[in-house]
Amino acid sequence: MQEIFMPNVAIVWKFWILWVLVCVGGGFGCFILGLLIFTSRNQNSLGLFVGLSIVGILWATPQYLLLKNYTPKISGI
């Protein structure tokens, strides 16, 4: 029983460490990008919306790429 459980624990810890690194790294990078967008001189509501949408996409993409490697494929029923 323990032989089956141990590799799963290693996979979970690896996933958790990678998830934290991706979230923190992406969050920091997107925070800097968001500050650059908010402090730009040409601010209008459409520009802010598009800029912050890009920030959200850039933060979510690495998380999606990490998740798709660790989650089983979901088949349509």
N, C-alpha and C. Protein backbone atom coordinates (compact mmCIF):
# COMPACT_ATOMS: atom_id res chain seq x y z
N MET A 1 0.82 -1.20 0.00
CA MET A 1 0.00 0.00 0.00
C MET A 1 0.86 1.25 0.00
N GLN A 2 1.92 1.26 0.78
CA GLN A 2 2.76 2.44 0.88
C GLN A 2 3.54 2.69 -0.41
N GLU A 3 3.86 1.64 -1.17
CA GLU A 3 4.56 1.82 -2.43
C GLU A 3 3.71 2.59 -3.43
N ILE A 4 2.42 2.42 -3.38
CA ILE A 4 1.53 3.14 -4.28
C ILE A 4 1.38 4.58 -3.82
N PHE A 5 1.37 4.81 -2.53
CA PHE A 5 1.11 6.14 -1.98
C PHE A 5 2.31 7.08 -2.13
N MET A 6 3.51 6.60 -1.97
CA MET A 6 4.69 7.47 -1.97
C MET A 6 4.90 8.23 -3.27
N PRO A 7 4.81 7.60 -4.45
CA PRO A 7 4.97 8.40 -5.66
C PRO A 7 3.90 9.49 -5.80
N ASN A 8 2.70 9.21 -5.33
CA ASN A 8 1.65 10.23 -5.40
C ASN A 8 1.98 11.44 -4.53
N VAL A 9 2.58 11.19 -3.37
CA VAL A 9 2.97 12.30 -2.51
C VAL A 9 4.04 13.14 -3.19
N ALA A 10 4.98 12.50 -3.85
CA ALA A 10 6.03 13.24 -4.55
C ALA A 10 5.44 14.08 -5.68
N ILE A 11 4.47 13.54 -6.39
CA ILE A 11 3.83 14.29 -7.47
C ILE A 11 3.06 15.48 -6.92
N VAL A 12 2.37 15.27 -5.80
CA VAL A 12 1.61 16.36 -5.20
C VAL A 12 2.52 17.48 -4.73
N TRP A 13 3.63 17.13 -4.08
CA TRP A 13 4.56 18.17 -3.62
C TRP A 13 5.20 18.91 -4.79
N LYS A 14 5.56 18.19 -5.83
CA LYS A 14 6.14 18.85 -7.01
C LYS A 14 5.13 19.80 -7.62
N PHE A 15 3.89 19.35 -7.74
CA PHE A 15 2.85 20.20 -8.29
C PHE A 15 2.64 21.43 -7.41
N TRP A 16 2.59 21.25 -6.09
CA TRP A 16 2.36 22.38 -5.19
C TRP A 16 3.48 23.41 -5.29
N ILE A 17 4.71 22.95 -5.32
CA ILE A 17 5.85 23.87 -5.42
C ILE A 17 5.81 24.63 -6.74
N LEU A 18 5.56 23.91 -7.84
CA LEU A 18 5.46 24.58 -9.14
C LEU A 18 4.30 25.55 -9.18
N TRP A 19 3.17 25.18 -8.58
CA TRP A 19 2.00 26.06 -8.57
C TRP A 19 2.30 27.35 -7.82
N VAL A 20 2.95 27.24 -6.68
CA VAL A 20 3.29 28.44 -5.91
C VAL A 20 4.26 29.32 -6.69
N LEU A 21 5.26 28.71 -7.31
CA LEU A 21 6.23 29.49 -8.08
C LEU A 21 5.57 30.18 -9.27
N VAL A 22 4.69 29.48 -9.96
CA VAL A 22 3.99 30.08 -11.10
C VAL A 22 3.09 31.22 -10.65
N CYS A 23 2.36 31.03 -9.57
CA CYS A 23 1.45 32.07 -9.08
C CYS A 23 2.20 33.30 -8.59
N VAL A 24 3.26 33.08 -7.82
CA VAL A 24 4.02 34.21 -7.28
C VAL A 24 4.78 34.93 -8.40
N GLY A 25 5.44 34.16 -9.24
CA GLY A 25 6.19 34.78 -10.34
C GLY A 25 5.29 35.51 -11.32
N GLY A 26 4.19 34.86 -11.69
CA GLY A 26 3.25 35.51 -12.59
C GLY A 26 2.59 36.71 -11.95
N GLY A 27 2.26 36.60 -10.68
CA GLY A 27 1.64 37.71 -9.98
C GLY A 27 2.57 38.91 -9.87
N PHE A 28 3.84 38.65 -9.59
CA PHE A 28 4.81 39.74 -9.49
C PHE A 28 5.00 40.42 -10.85
N GLY A 29 5.17 39.60 -11.88
CA GLY A 29 5.34 40.17 -13.22
C GLY A 29 4.13 40.95 -13.68
N CYS A 30 2.95 40.42 -13.42
CA CYS A 30 1.73 41.11 -13.82
C CYS A 30 1.46 42.34 -12.96
N PHE A 31 1.91 42.33 -11.71
CA PHE A 31 1.79 43.52 -10.86
C PHE A 31 2.63 44.66 -11.44
N ILE A 32 3.84 44.34 -11.85
CA ILE A 32 4.70 45.36 -12.47
C ILE A 32 4.09 45.87 -13.77
N LEU A 33 3.58 44.96 -14.60
CA LEU A 33 2.94 45.35 -15.84
C LEU A 33 1.70 46.20 -15.57
N GLY A 34 0.92 45.83 -14.56
CA GLY A 34 -0.26 46.62 -14.20
C GLY A 34 0.11 48.01 -13.72
N LEU A 35 1.20 48.11 -12.96
CA LEU A 35 1.66 49.45 -12.54
C LEU A 35 2.06 50.30 -13.73
N LEU A 36 2.72 49.68 -14.70
CA LEU A 36 3.09 50.43 -15.90
C LEU A 36 1.87 50.89 -16.67
N ILE A 37 0.83 50.07 -16.71
CA ILE A 37 -0.39 50.46 -17.41
C ILE A 37 -1.10 51.59 -16.68
N PHE A 38 -1.21 51.48 -15.35
CA PHE A 38 -1.91 52.51 -14.58
C PHE A 38 -1.17 53.83 -14.52
N THR A 39 0.14 53.81 -14.61
CA THR A 39 0.89 55.05 -14.51
C THR A 39 1.20 55.66 -15.87
N SER A 40 0.69 55.08 -16.94
CA SER A 40 0.93 55.67 -18.26
C SER A 40 0.15 56.97 -18.37
N ARG A 41 0.64 57.85 -19.20
CA ARG A 41 0.02 59.18 -19.32
C ARG A 41 -1.26 59.15 -20.15
N ASN A 42 -1.38 58.24 -21.08
CA ASN A 42 -2.56 58.19 -21.94
C ASN A 42 -3.56 57.18 -21.37
N GLN A 43 -4.26 57.58 -20.35
CA GLN A 43 -5.23 56.67 -19.72
C GLN A 43 -6.63 57.00 -20.20
N ASN A 44 -7.29 56.01 -20.72
CA ASN A 44 -8.72 56.09 -20.96
C ASN A 44 -9.31 54.75 -20.51
N SER A 45 -10.61 54.69 -20.40
CA SER A 45 -11.22 53.48 -19.82
C SER A 45 -11.02 52.25 -20.72
N LEU A 46 -11.05 52.44 -22.03
CA LEU A 46 -10.85 51.31 -22.93
C LEU A 46 -9.41 50.80 -22.84
N GLY A 47 -8.46 51.70 -22.78
CA GLY A 47 -7.06 51.30 -22.67
C GLY A 47 -6.78 50.55 -21.37
N LEU A 48 -7.36 51.03 -20.28
CA LEU A 48 -7.19 50.34 -19.00
C LEU A 48 -7.84 48.96 -19.03
N PHE A 49 -9.03 48.86 -19.63
CA PHE A 49 -9.71 47.58 -19.71
C PHE A 49 -8.89 46.58 -20.53
N VAL A 50 -8.41 47.01 -21.68
CA VAL A 50 -7.62 46.12 -22.53
C VAL A 50 -6.31 45.75 -21.85
N GLY A 51 -5.66 46.71 -21.24
CA GLY A 51 -4.39 46.44 -20.56
C GLY A 51 -4.54 45.47 -19.41
N LEU A 52 -5.55 45.67 -18.60
CA LEU A 52 -5.76 44.77 -17.47
C LEU A 52 -6.26 43.40 -17.92
N SER A 53 -6.97 43.35 -19.03
CA SER A 53 -7.36 42.04 -19.58
C SER A 53 -6.13 41.26 -20.03
N ILE A 54 -5.19 41.95 -20.64
CA ILE A 54 -3.94 41.31 -21.06
C ILE A 54 -3.16 40.84 -19.84
N VAL A 55 -3.14 41.63 -18.78
CA VAL A 55 -2.47 41.23 -17.54
C VAL A 55 -3.10 39.94 -17.00
N GLY A 56 -4.42 39.88 -16.99
CA GLY A 56 -5.10 38.68 -16.50
C GLY A 56 -4.80 37.46 -17.36
N ILE A 57 -4.77 37.64 -18.65
CA ILE A 57 -4.46 36.53 -19.55
C ILE A 57 -3.03 36.07 -19.34
N LEU A 58 -2.11 37.01 -19.19
CA LEU A 58 -0.71 36.64 -18.98
C LEU A 58 -0.50 35.94 -17.64
N TRP A 59 -1.32 36.24 -16.65
CA TRP A 59 -1.19 35.58 -15.35
C TRP A 59 -1.84 34.20 -15.37
N ALA A 60 -2.93 34.05 -16.12
CA ALA A 60 -3.66 32.79 -16.14
C ALA A 60 -3.04 31.75 -17.06
N THR A 61 -2.36 32.16 -18.11
CA THR A 61 -1.82 31.21 -19.09
C THR A 61 -0.81 30.25 -18.48
N PRO A 62 0.19 30.70 -17.72
CA PRO A 62 1.11 29.72 -17.12
C PRO A 62 0.42 28.77 -16.14
N GLN A 63 -0.61 29.27 -15.44
CA GLN A 63 -1.34 28.40 -14.52
C GLN A 63 -2.08 27.32 -15.30
N TYR A 64 -2.69 27.69 -16.41
CA TYR A 64 -3.37 26.71 -17.25
C TYR A 64 -2.39 25.68 -17.79
N LEU A 65 -1.25 26.14 -18.26
CA LEU A 65 -0.26 25.21 -18.81
C LEU A 65 0.25 24.23 -17.76
N LEU A 66 0.38 24.69 -16.53
CA LEU A 66 0.80 23.80 -15.45
C LEU A 66 -0.31 22.82 -15.08
N LEU A 67 -1.53 23.33 -14.98
CA LEU A 67 -2.66 22.47 -14.60
C LEU A 67 -2.94 21.38 -15.62
N LYS A 68 -2.79 21.69 -16.89
CA LYS A 68 -3.14 20.69 -17.89
C LYS A 68 -2.18 19.51 -17.89
N ASN A 69 -0.99 19.69 -17.35
CA ASN A 69 -0.04 18.58 -17.24
C ASN A 69 -0.31 17.68 -16.04
N TYR A 70 -0.99 18.20 -15.04
CA TYR A 70 -1.20 17.44 -13.80
C TYR A 70 -2.63 16.97 -13.59
N THR A 71 -3.54 17.38 -14.41
CA THR A 71 -4.91 16.94 -14.25
C THR A 71 -5.26 15.93 -15.33
N PRO A 72 -6.07 14.95 -15.00
CA PRO A 72 -6.43 13.94 -16.01
C PRO A 72 -7.33 14.56 -17.08
N LYS A 73 -7.27 13.99 -18.24
CA LYS A 73 -8.11 14.47 -19.33
C LYS A 73 -9.57 14.14 -19.01
N ILE A 74 -10.43 15.09 -19.24
CA ILE A 74 -11.86 14.90 -19.00
C ILE A 74 -12.51 14.55 -20.32
N SER A 75 -13.11 13.40 -20.37
CA SER A 75 -13.76 12.99 -21.63
C SER A 75 -15.24 13.34 -21.57
N GLY A 76 -15.75 13.78 -22.67
CA GLY A 76 -17.17 14.12 -22.75
C GLY A 76 -18.02 12.86 -22.70
N ILE A 77 -19.10 12.94 -21.99
CA ILE A 77 -19.98 11.77 -21.86
C ILE A 77 -21.17 11.95 -22.76
